[in-house]
PDB file of all heavy atoms in Angstrom:
ATOM      1  N   ARG A   1     121.643  63.879 143.088  1.00  0.00           N
ATOM      2  CA  ARG A   1     122.781  63.081 143.542  1.00  0.00           C
ATOM      3  C   ARG A   1     123.981  63.346 142.635  1.00  0.00           C
ATOM      4  O   ARG A   1     124.405  62.480 141.882  1.00  0.00           O
ATOM      5  CB  ARG A   1     122.419  61.603 143.543  1.00  0.00           C
ATOM      6  CG  ARG A   1     121.335  61.285 144.566  1.00  0.00           C
ATOM      7  CD  ARG A   1     121.220  59.846 144.966  1.00  0.00           C
ATOM      8  NE  ARG A   1     122.432  59.114 145.151  1.00  0.00           N
ATOM      9  CZ  ARG A   1     123.075  58.980 146.319  1.00  0.00           C
ATOM     10  NH1 ARG A   1     122.618  59.569 147.390  1.00  0.00           N
ATOM     11  NH2 ARG A   1     124.164  58.259 146.407  1.00  0.00           N
ATOM     12  N   PRO A   2     124.551  64.538 142.709  1.00  0.00           N
ATOM     13  CA  PRO A   2     125.643  64.875 141.802  1.00  0.00           C
ATOM     14  C   PRO A   2     126.901  64.043 142.011  1.00  0.00           C
ATOM     15  O   PRO A   2     127.704  63.896 141.097  1.00  0.00           O
ATOM     16  CB  PRO A   2     125.909  66.354 142.090  1.00  0.00           C
ATOM     17  CG  PRO A   2     125.361  66.596 143.432  1.00  0.00           C
ATOM     18  CD  PRO A   2     124.209  65.642 143.596  1.00  0.00           C
ATOM     19  N   GLU A   3     127.065  63.486 143.197  1.00  0.00           N
ATOM     20  CA  GLU A   3     128.256  62.688 143.469  1.00  0.00           C
ATOM     21  C   GLU A   3     128.183  61.292 142.856  1.00  0.00           C
ATOM     22  O   GLU A   3     129.184  60.579 142.790  1.00  0.00           O
ATOM     23  CB  GLU A   3     128.490  62.586 144.988  1.00  0.00           C
ATOM     24  CG  GLU A   3     127.538  61.675 145.720  1.00  0.00           C
ATOM     25  CD  GLU A   3     126.139  62.251 145.982  1.00  0.00           C
ATOM     26  OE1 GLU A   3     125.827  63.359 145.525  1.00  0.00           O
ATOM     27  OE2 GLU A   3     125.355  61.564 146.650  1.00  0.00           O
ATOM     28  N   SER A   4     127.008  60.886 142.397  1.00  0.00           N
ATOM     29  CA  SER A   4     126.843  59.568 141.783  1.00  0.00           C
ATOM     30  C   SER A   4     127.570  59.494 140.445  1.00  0.00           C
ATOM     31  O   SER A   4     127.870  60.502 139.827  1.00  0.00           O
ATOM     32  CB  SER A   4     125.362  59.266 141.564  1.00  0.00           C
ATOM     33  OG  SER A   4     124.706  59.176 142.797  1.00  0.00           O
ATOM     34  N   ALA A   5     127.795  58.289 140.006  1.00  0.00           N
ATOM     35  CA  ALA A   5     128.543  58.054 138.760  1.00  0.00           C
ATOM     36  C   ALA A   5     127.641  58.214 137.543  1.00  0.00           C
ATOM     37  O   ALA A   5     127.391  57.262 136.806  1.00  0.00           O
ATOM     38  CB  ALA A   5     129.183  56.671 138.794  1.00  0.00           C
ATOM     39  N   HIS A   6     127.143  59.411 137.332  1.00  0.00           N
ATOM     40  CA  HIS A   6     126.297  59.678 136.177  1.00  0.00           C
ATOM     41  C   HIS A   6     127.165  59.761 134.924  1.00  0.00           C
ATOM     42  O   HIS A   6     128.213  60.384 134.934  1.00  0.00           O
ATOM     43  CB  HIS A   6     125.565  61.018 136.329  1.00  0.00           C
ATOM     44  CG  HIS A   6     124.667  61.098 137.510  1.00  0.00           C
ATOM     45  ND1 HIS A   6     123.551  60.306 137.645  1.00  0.00           N
ATOM     46  CD2 HIS A   6     124.722  61.870 138.615  1.00  0.00           C
ATOM     47  CE1 HIS A   6     122.950  60.594 138.786  1.00  0.00           C
ATOM     48  NE2 HIS A   6     123.642  61.538 139.398  1.00  0.00           N
ATOM     49  N   ASP A   7     126.695  59.138 133.880  1.00  0.00           N
ATOM     50  CA  ASP A   7     127.312  59.317 132.573  1.00  0.00           C
ATOM     51  C   ASP A   7     126.204  59.339 131.538  1.00  0.00           C
ATOM     52  O   ASP A   7     125.026  59.112 131.853  1.00  0.00           O
ATOM     53  CB  ASP A   7     128.372  58.248 132.275  1.00  0.00           C
ATOM     54  CG  ASP A   7     127.808  56.829 132.233  1.00  0.00           C
ATOM     55  OD1 ASP A   7     126.576  56.654 132.102  1.00  0.00           O
ATOM     56  OD2 ASP A   7     128.603  55.892 132.324  1.00  0.00           O
ATOM     57  N   LEU A   8     126.561  59.632 130.323  1.00  0.00           N
ATOM     58  CA  LEU A   8     125.569  59.778 129.268  1.00  0.00           C
ATOM     59  C   LEU A   8     124.718  58.522 129.116  1.00  0.00           C
ATOM     60  O   LEU A   8     123.491  58.599 129.057  1.00  0.00           O
ATOM     61  CB  LEU A   8     126.259  60.140 127.949  1.00  0.00           C
ATOM     62  CG  LEU A   8     125.361  60.327 126.742  1.00  0.00           C
ATOM     63  CD1 LEU A   8     124.330  61.422 126.984  1.00  0.00           C
ATOM     64  CD2 LEU A   8     126.208  60.652 125.515  1.00  0.00           C
ATOM     65  N   ALA A   9     125.351  57.367 129.101  1.00  0.00           N
ATOM     66  CA  ALA A   9     124.614  56.117 128.895  1.00  0.00           C
ATOM     67  C   ALA A   9     123.627  55.837 130.028  1.00  0.00           C
ATOM     68  O   ALA A   9     122.470  55.478 129.779  1.00  0.00           O
ATOM     69  CB  ALA A   9     125.593  54.957 128.737  1.00  0.00           C
ATOM     70  N   SER A  10     124.066  56.009 131.275  1.00  0.00           N
ATOM     71  CA  SER A  10     123.169  55.707 132.399  1.00  0.00           C
ATOM     72  C   SER A  10     122.012  56.702 132.464  1.00  0.00           C
ATOM     73  O   SER A  10     120.880  56.322 132.779  1.00  0.00           O
ATOM     74  CB  SER A  10     123.943  55.703 133.719  1.00  0.00           C
ATOM     75  OG  SER A  10     124.424  56.986 134.046  1.00  0.00           O
ATOM     76  N   LEU A  11     122.282  57.960 132.162  1.00  0.00           N
ATOM     77  CA  LEU A  11     121.208  58.953 132.160  1.00  0.00           C
ATOM     78  C   LEU A  11     120.231  58.709 131.014  1.00  0.00           C
ATOM     79  O   LEU A  11     119.019  58.877 131.183  1.00  0.00           O
ATOM     80  CB  LEU A  11     121.787  60.363 132.090  1.00  0.00           C
ATOM     81  CG  LEU A  11     122.507  60.825 133.355  1.00  0.00           C
ATOM     82  CD1 LEU A  11     123.310  62.085 133.089  1.00  0.00           C
ATOM     83  CD2 LEU A  11     121.527  61.033 134.498  1.00  0.00           C
ATOM     84  N   ALA A  12     120.728  58.290 129.877  1.00  0.00           N
ATOM     85  CA  ALA A  12     119.851  57.973 128.749  1.00  0.00           C
ATOM     86  C   ALA A  12     118.933  56.801 129.112  1.00  0.00           C
ATOM     87  O   ALA A  12     117.728  56.846 128.847  1.00  0.00           O
ATOM     88  CB  ALA A  12     120.680  57.660 127.508  1.00  0.00           C
ATOM     89  N   ARG A  13     119.496  55.782 129.744  1.00  0.00           N
ATOM     90  CA  ARG A  13     118.670  54.638 130.161  1.00  0.00           C
ATOM     91  C   ARG A  13     117.614  55.074 131.174  1.00  0.00           C
ATOM     92  O   ARG A  13     116.445  54.695 131.080  1.00  0.00           O
ATOM     93  CB  ARG A  13     119.542  53.540 130.775  1.00  0.00           C
ATOM     94  CG  ARG A  13     120.225  52.656 129.768  1.00  0.00           C
ATOM     95  CD  ARG A  13     120.847  51.423 130.416  1.00  0.00           C
ATOM     96  NE  ARG A  13     121.784  51.736 131.479  1.00  0.00           N
ATOM     97  CZ  ARG A  13     123.069  52.042 131.302  1.00  0.00           C
ATOM     98  NH1 ARG A  13     123.575  52.060 130.081  1.00  0.00           N
ATOM     99  NH2 ARG A  13     123.848  52.305 132.333  1.00  0.00           N
ATOM    100  N   ALA A  14     118.015  55.875 132.127  1.00  0.00           N
ATOM    101  CA  ALA A  14     117.096  56.314 133.181  1.00  0.00           C
ATOM    102  C   ALA A  14     115.974  57.191 132.645  1.00  0.00           C
ATOM    103  O   ALA A  14     114.877  57.213 133.206  1.00  0.00           O
ATOM    104  CB  ALA A  14     117.864  57.072 134.267  1.00  0.00           C
ATOM    105  N   THR A  15     116.231  57.900 131.569  1.00  0.00           N
ATOM    106  CA  THR A  15     115.225  58.804 131.006  1.00  0.00           C
ATOM    107  C   THR A  15     114.509  58.218 129.798  1.00  0.00           C
ATOM    108  O   THR A  15     113.656  58.872 129.210  1.00  0.00           O
ATOM    109  CB  THR A  15     115.864  60.158 130.627  1.00  0.00           C
ATOM    110  OG1 THR A  15     116.922  59.928 129.693  1.00  0.00           O
ATOM    111  CG2 THR A  15     116.398  60.873 131.847  1.00  0.00           C
ATOM    112  N   HIS A  16     114.891  57.004 129.415  1.00  0.00           N
ATOM    113  CA  HIS A  16     114.239  56.272 128.321  1.00  0.00           C
ATOM    114  C   HIS A  16     114.341  56.992 126.976  1.00  0.00           C
ATOM    115  O   HIS A  16     113.382  57.021 126.204  1.00  0.00           O
ATOM    116  CB  HIS A  16     112.773  55.974 128.662  1.00  0.00           C
ATOM    117  CG  HIS A  16     112.602  55.306 129.982  1.00  0.00           C
ATOM    118  ND1 HIS A  16     113.001  54.012 130.220  1.00  0.00           N
ATOM    119  CD2 HIS A  16     112.113  55.773 131.159  1.00  0.00           C
ATOM    120  CE1 HIS A  16     112.756  53.690 131.474  1.00  0.00           C
ATOM    121  NE2 HIS A  16     112.210  54.749 132.072  1.00  0.00           N
ATOM    122  N   VAL A  17     115.509  57.587 126.735  1.00  0.00           N
ATOM    123  CA  VAL A  17     115.787  58.188 125.429  1.00  0.00           C
ATOM    124  C   VAL A  17     117.168  57.720 124.993  1.00  0.00           C
ATOM    125  O   VAL A  17     117.945  57.206 125.796  1.00  0.00           O
ATOM    126  CB  VAL A  17     115.747  59.738 125.461  1.00  0.00           C
ATOM    127  CG1 VAL A  17     114.368  60.244 125.857  1.00  0.00           C
ATOM    128  CG2 VAL A  17     116.804  60.303 126.383  1.00  0.00           C
ATOM    129  N   SER A  18     117.461  57.910 123.743  1.00  0.00           N
ATOM    130  CA  SER A  18     118.790  57.526 123.271  1.00  0.00           C
ATOM    131  C   SER A  18     119.832  58.515 123.792  1.00  0.00           C
ATOM    132  O   SER A  18     119.517  59.673 124.107  1.00  0.00           O
ATOM    133  CB  SER A  18     118.832  57.493 121.742  1.00  0.00           C
ATOM    134  OG  SER A  18     118.780  58.810 121.217  1.00  0.00           O
ATOM    135  N   ALA A  19     121.055  58.047 123.879  1.00  0.00           N
ATOM    136  CA  ALA A  19     122.144  58.919 124.323  1.00  0.00           C
ATOM    137  C   ALA A  19     122.275  60.120 123.395  1.00  0.00           C
ATOM    138  O   ALA A  19     122.465  61.252 123.848  1.00  0.00           O
ATOM    139  CB  ALA A  19     123.454  58.137 124.379  1.00  0.00           C
ATOM    140  N   ARG A  20     122.134  59.892 122.131  1.00  0.00           N
ATOM    141  CA  ARG A  20     122.237  60.980 121.158  1.00  0.00           C
ATOM    142  C   ARG A  20     121.140  62.026 121.379  1.00  0.00           C
ATOM    143  O   ARG A  20     121.392  63.225 121.339  1.00  0.00           O
ATOM    144  CB  ARG A  20     122.186  60.409 119.750  1.00  0.00           C
ATOM    145  CG  ARG A  20     122.352  61.446 118.678  1.00  0.00           C
ATOM    146  CD  ARG A  20     122.342  60.777 117.302  1.00  0.00           C
ATOM    147  NE  ARG A  20     122.277  61.762 116.268  1.00  0.00           N
ATOM    148  CZ  ARG A  20     123.226  61.976 115.378  1.00  0.00           C
ATOM    149  NH1 ARG A  20     124.315  61.242 115.402  1.00  0.00           N
ATOM    150  NH2 ARG A  20     123.073  62.888 114.457  1.00  0.00           N
ATOM    151  N   SER A  21     119.908  61.565 121.613  1.00  0.00           N
ATOM    152  CA  SER A  21     118.799  62.497 121.860  1.00  0.00           C
ATOM    153  C   SER A  21     119.031  63.309 123.117  1.00  0.00           C
ATOM    154  O   SER A  21     118.778  64.520 123.151  1.00  0.00           O
ATOM    155  CB  SER A  21     117.473  61.748 121.980  1.00  0.00           C
ATOM    156  OG  SER A  21     117.135  61.158 120.761  1.00  0.00           O
ATOM    157  N   LEU A  22     119.515  62.651 124.160  1.00  0.00           N
ATOM    158  CA  LEU A  22     119.776  63.355 125.410  1.00  0.00           C
ATOM    159  C   LEU A  22     120.881  64.390 125.221  1.00  0.00           C
ATOM    160  O   LEU A  22     120.757  65.533 125.662  1.00  0.00           O
ATOM    161  CB  LEU A  22     120.150  62.371 126.515  1.00  0.00           C
ATOM    162  CG  LEU A  22     120.286  62.952 127.909  1.00  0.00           C
ATOM    163  CD1 LEU A  22     118.991  63.589 128.385  1.00  0.00           C
ATOM    164  CD2 LEU A  22     120.733  61.870 128.881  1.00  0.00           C
ATOM    165  N   GLN A  23     121.934  63.995 124.533  1.00  0.00           N
ATOM    166  CA  GLN A  23     123.038  64.913 124.293  1.00  0.00           C
ATOM    167  C   GLN A  23     122.576  66.130 123.478  1.00  0.00           C
ATOM    168  O   GLN A  23     122.924  67.265 123.788  1.00  0.00           O
ATOM    169  CB  GLN A  23     124.176  64.177 123.575  1.00  0.00           C
ATOM    170  CG  GLN A  23     125.435  64.963 123.464  1.00  0.00           C
ATOM    171  CD  GLN A  23     126.153  65.114 124.787  1.00  0.00           C
ATOM    172  OE1 GLN A  23     125.626  65.663 125.755  1.00  0.00           O
ATOM    173  NE2 GLN A  23     127.378  64.649 124.840  1.00  0.00           N
ATOM    174  N   LYS A  24     121.776  65.875 122.461  1.00  0.00           N
ATOM    175  CA  LYS A  24     121.251  66.975 121.645  1.00  0.00           C
ATOM    176  C   LYS A  24     120.372  67.910 122.478  1.00  0.00           C
ATOM    177  O   LYS A  24     120.428  69.128 122.316  1.00  0.00           O
ATOM    178  CB  LYS A  24     120.457  66.436 120.455  1.00  0.00           C
ATOM    179  CG  LYS A  24     121.301  65.929 119.334  1.00  0.00           C
ATOM    180  CD  LYS A  24     120.412  65.489 118.185  1.00  0.00           C
ATOM    181  CE  LYS A  24     121.218  65.116 116.974  1.00  0.00           C
ATOM    182  NZ  LYS A  24     120.352  64.730 115.835  1.00  0.00           N
ATOM    183  N   ALA A  25     119.569  67.350 123.359  1.00  0.00           N
ATOM    184  CA  ALA A  25     118.689  68.169 124.207  1.00  0.00           C
ATOM    185  C   ALA A  25     119.515  69.061 125.134  1.00  0.00           C
ATOM    186  O   ALA A  25     119.203  70.240 125.305  1.00  0.00           O
ATOM    187  CB  ALA A  25     117.757  67.279 125.018  1.00  0.00           C
ATOM    188  N   TYR A  26     120.562  68.513 125.721  1.00  0.00           N
ATOM    189  CA  TYR A  26     121.424  69.324 126.588  1.00  0.00           C
ATOM    190  C   TYR A  26     122.088  70.443 125.794  1.00  0.00           C
ATOM    191  O   TYR A  26     122.167  71.573 126.259  1.00  0.00           O
ATOM    192  CB  TYR A  26     122.492  68.455 127.266  1.00  0.00           C
ATOM    193  CG  TYR A  26     122.049  67.962 128.614  1.00  0.00           C
ATOM    194  CD1 TYR A  26     121.132  66.919 128.734  1.00  0.00           C
ATOM    195  CD2 TYR A  26     122.531  68.533 129.770  1.00  0.00           C
ATOM    196  CE1 TYR A  26     120.720  66.462 129.965  1.00  0.00           C
ATOM    197  CE2 TYR A  26     122.128  68.089 131.020  1.00  0.00           C
ATOM    198  CZ  TYR A  26     121.218  67.063 131.100  1.00  0.00           C
ATOM    199  OH  TYR A  26     120.799  66.620 132.335  1.00  0.00           O
ATOM    200  N   ARG A  27     122.556  70.110 124.623  1.00  0.00           N
ATOM    201  CA  ARG A  27     123.227  71.120 123.801  1.00  0.00           C
ATOM    202  C   ARG A  27     122.244  72.222 123.399  1.00  0.00           C
ATOM    203  O   ARG A  27     122.535  73.396 123.488  1.00  0.00           O
ATOM    204  CB  ARG A  27     123.838  70.437 122.569  1.00  0.00           C
ATOM    205  CG  ARG A  27     124.712  71.286 121.727  1.00  0.00           C
ATOM    206  CD  ARG A  27     125.908  71.915 122.410  1.00  0.00           C
ATOM    207  NE  ARG A  27     126.880  70.973 122.896  1.00  0.00           N
ATOM    208  CZ  ARG A  27     127.839  71.305 123.765  1.00  0.00           C
ATOM    209  NH1 ARG A  27     127.946  72.535 124.210  1.00  0.00           N
ATOM    210  NH2 ARG A  27     128.688  70.422 124.198  1.00  0.00           N
ATOM    211  N   ARG A  28     121.040  71.808 122.998  1.00  0.00           N
ATOM    212  CA  ARG A  28     120.024  72.759 122.536  1.00  0.00           C
ATOM    213  C   ARG A  28     119.465  73.609 123.679  1.00  0.00           C
ATOM    214  O   ARG A  28     119.353  74.822 123.568  1.00  0.00           O
ATOM    215  CB  ARG A  28     118.892  71.992 121.842  1.00  0.00           C
ATOM    216  CG  ARG A  28     117.784  72.865 121.256  1.00  0.00           C
ATOM    217  CD  ARG A  28     116.665  72.041 120.613  1.00  0.00           C
ATOM    218  NE  ARG A  28     116.019  71.164 121.582  1.00  0.00           N
ATOM    219  CZ  ARG A  28     116.106  69.831 121.584  1.00  0.00           C
ATOM    220  NH1 ARG A  28     116.793  69.188 120.662  1.00  0.00           N
ATOM    221  NH2 ARG A  28     115.488  69.104 122.497  1.00  0.00           N
ATOM    222  N   GLU A  29     119.118  72.969 124.782  1.00  0.00           N
ATOM    223  CA  GLU A  29     118.437  73.662 125.878  1.00  0.00           C
ATOM    224  C   GLU A  29     119.378  74.353 126.871  1.00  0.00           C
ATOM    225  O   GLU A  29     119.037  75.395 127.418  1.00  0.00           O
ATOM    226  CB  GLU A  29     117.548  72.676 126.653  1.00  0.00           C
ATOM    227  CG  GLU A  29     116.496  72.001 125.815  1.00  0.00           C
ATOM    228  CD  GLU A  29     115.439  72.956 125.298  1.00  0.00           C
ATOM    229  OE1 GLU A  29     115.100  73.907 126.023  1.00  0.00           O
ATOM    230  OE2 GLU A  29     114.971  72.758 124.168  1.00  0.00           O
ATOM    231  N   LEU A  30     120.545  73.758 127.102  1.00  0.00           N
ATOM    232  CA  LEU A  30     121.441  74.275 128.129  1.00  0.00           C
ATOM    233  C   LEU A  30     122.792  74.730 127.582  1.00  0.00           C
ATOM    234  O   LEU A  30     123.640  75.201 128.344  1.00  0.00           O
ATOM    235  CB  LEU A  30     121.668  73.204 129.212  1.00  0.00           C
ATOM    236  CG  LEU A  30     120.399  72.696 129.908  1.00  0.00           C
ATOM    237  CD1 LEU A  30     120.725  71.524 130.820  1.00  0.00           C
ATOM    238  CD2 LEU A  30     119.740  73.821 130.680  1.00  0.00           C
ATOM    239  N   ASP A  31     123.005  74.539 126.301  1.00  0.00           N
ATOM    240  CA  ASP A  31     124.256  74.909 125.638  1.00  0.00           C
ATOM    241  C   ASP A  31     125.472  74.275 126.309  1.00  0.00           C
ATOM    242  O   ASP A  31     126.495  74.920 126.544  1.00  0.00           O
ATOM    243  CB  ASP A  31     124.408  76.434 125.574  1.00  0.00           C
ATOM    244  CG  ASP A  31     125.503  76.855 124.600  1.00  0.00           C
ATOM    245  OD1 ASP A  31     125.712  76.137 123.602  1.00  0.00           O
ATOM    246  OD2 ASP A  31     126.154  77.892 124.853  1.00  0.00           O
ATOM    247  N   THR A  32     125.329  73.007 126.664  1.00  0.00           N
ATOM    248  CA  THR A  32     126.417  72.263 127.285  1.00  0.00           C
ATOM    249  C   THR A  32     126.230  70.785 126.989  1.00  0.00           C
ATOM    250  O   THR A  32     125.191  70.385 126.469  1.00  0.00           O
ATOM    251  CB  THR A  32     126.466  72.518 128.811  1.00  0.00           C
ATOM    252  OG1 THR A  32     127.685  71.999 129.326  1.00  0.00           O
ATOM    253  CG2 THR A  32     125.282  71.915 129.535  1.00  0.00           C
ATOM    254  N   SER A  33     127.211  69.985 127.320  1.00  0.00           N
ATOM    255  CA  SER A  33     127.075  68.541 127.181  1.00  0.00           C
ATOM    256  C   SER A  33     126.632  67.950 128.521  1.00  0.00           C
ATOM    257  O   SER A  33     126.706  68.616 129.562  1.00  0.00           O
ATOM    258  CB  SER A  33     128.406  67.918 126.759  1.00  0.00           C
ATOM    259  OG  SER A  33     129.329  67.971 127.831  1.00  0.00           O
ATOM    260  N   VAL A  34     126.206  66.715 128.480  1.00  0.00           N
ATOM    261  CA  VAL A  34     125.800  66.033 129.712  1.00  0.00           C
ATOM    262  C   VAL A  34     126.988  65.960 130.675  1.00  0.00           C
ATOM    263  O   VAL A  34     126.857  66.265 131.860  1.00  0.00           O
ATOM    264  CB  VAL A  34     125.250  64.626 129.398  1.00  0.00           C
ATOM    265  CG1 VAL A  34     124.998  63.841 130.675  1.00  0.00           C
ATOM    266  CG2 VAL A  34     123.983  64.722 128.569  1.00  0.00           C
ATOM    267  N   VAL A  35     128.134  65.574 130.172  1.00  0.00           N
ATOM    268  CA  VAL A  35     129.325  65.443 131.017  1.00  0.00           C
ATOM    269  C   VAL A  35     129.695  66.788 131.649  1.00  0.00           C
ATOM    270  O   VAL A  35     130.006  66.861 132.842  1.00  0.00           O
ATOM    271  CB  VAL A  35     130.506  64.875 130.197  1.00  0.00           C
ATOM    272  CG1 VAL A  35     131.802  64.937 130.972  1.00  0.00           C
ATOM    273  CG2 VAL A  35     130.206  63.449 129.766  1.00  0.00           C
ATOM    274  N   GLU A  36     129.644  67.850 130.875  1.00  0.00           N
ATOM    275  CA  GLU A  36     129.955  69.176 131.413  1.00  0.00           C
ATOM    276  C   GLU A  36     128.927  69.603 132.466  1.00  0.00           C
ATOM    277  O   GLU A  36     129.278  70.231 133.463  1.00  0.00           O
ATOM    278  CB  GLU A  36     130.017  70.206 130.291  1.00  0.00           C
ATOM    279  CG  GLU A  36     131.206  70.020 129.382  1.00  0.00           C
ATOM    280  CD  GLU A  36     131.094  70.814 128.094  1.00  0.00           C
ATOM    281  OE1 GLU A  36     129.980  71.289 127.755  1.00  0.00           O
ATOM    282  OE2 GLU A  36     132.115  70.948 127.416  1.00  0.00           O
ATOM    283  N   TYR A  37     127.673  69.247 132.251  1.00  0.00           N
ATOM    284  CA  TYR A  37     126.634  69.591 133.223  1.00  0.00           C
ATOM    285  C   TYR A  37     126.871  68.858 134.540  1.00  0.00           C
ATOM    286  O   TYR A  37     126.780  69.455 135.617  1.00  0.00           O
ATOM    287  CB  TYR A  37     125.248  69.261 132.667  1.00  0.00           C
ATOM    288  CG  TYR A  37     124.142  69.786 133.541  1.00  0.00           C
ATOM    289  CD1 TYR A  37     123.647  71.067 133.362  1.00  0.00           C
ATOM    290  CD2 TYR A  37     123.615  69.015 134.573  1.00  0.00           C
ATOM    291  CE1 TYR A  37     122.652  71.576 134.177  1.00  0.00           C
ATOM    292  CE2 TYR A  37     122.622  69.506 135.402  1.00  0.00           C
ATOM    293  CZ  TYR A  37     122.142  70.785 135.190  1.00  0.00           C
ATOM    294  OH  TYR A  37     121.167  71.285 136.016  1.00  0.00           O
ATOM    295  N   VAL A  38     127.177  67.565 134.450  1.00  0.00           N
ATOM    296  CA  VAL A  38     127.462  66.782 135.659  1.00  0.00           C
ATOM    297  C   VAL A  38     128.659  67.387 136.388  1.00  0.00           C
ATOM    298  O   VAL A  38     128.618  67.593 137.608  1.00  0.00           O
ATOM    299  CB  VAL A  38     127.719  65.298 135.310  1.00  0.00           C
ATOM    300  CG1 VAL A  38     128.255  64.544 136.512  1.00  0.00           C
ATOM    301  CG2 VAL A  38     126.459  64.633 134.784  1.00  0.00           C
ATOM    302  N   ARG A  39     129.716  67.680 135.663  1.00  0.00           N
ATOM    303  CA  ARG A  39     130.906  68.265 136.277  1.00  0.00           C
ATOM    304  C   ARG A  39     130.566  69.600 136.958  1.00  0.00           C
ATOM    305  O   ARG A  39     131.004  69.869 138.076  1.00  0.00           O
ATOM    306  CB  ARG A  39     131.992  68.486 135.235  1.00  0.00           C
ATOM    307  CG  ARG A  39     133.275  69.022 135.840  1.00  0.00           C
ATOM    308  CD  ARG A  39     134.333  69.293 134.783  1.00  0.00           C
ATOM    309  NE  ARG A  39     134.594  68.126 133.986  1.00  0.00           N
ATOM    310  CZ  ARG A  39     134.697  68.139 132.646  1.00  0.00           C
ATOM    311  NH1 ARG A  39     134.571  69.261 131.965  1.00  0.00           N
ATOM    312  NH2 ARG A  39     134.941  67.027 131.985  1.00  0.00           N
ATOM    313  N   GLY A  40     129.786  70.423 136.300  1.00  0.00           N
ATOM    314  CA  GLY A  40     129.403  71.710 136.876  1.00  0.00           C
ATOM    315  C   GLY A  40     128.616  71.563 138.161  1.00  0.00           C
ATOM    316  O   GLY A  40     128.838  72.299 139.128  1.00  0.00           O
ATOM    317  N   ALA A  41     127.691  70.607 138.193  1.00  0.00           N
ATOM    318  CA  ALA A  41     126.904  70.369 139.411  1.00  0.00           C
ATOM    319  C   ALA A  41     127.814  69.916 140.545  1.00  0.00           C
ATOM    320  O   ALA A  41     127.696  70.388 141.682  1.00  0.00           O
ATOM    321  CB  ALA A  41     125.826  69.326 139.140  1.00  0.00           C
TER     322      ALA A  41
END
């Protein structure tokens, strides 16, 4: 659902991890931020 209002906080809650952990995972695994990934999708 790329058109949904995804942001770092809501995705962190949905995945049961901290926002910082999620952001680090995106940077490490995809070389991008969560916001940039959402925008790209």
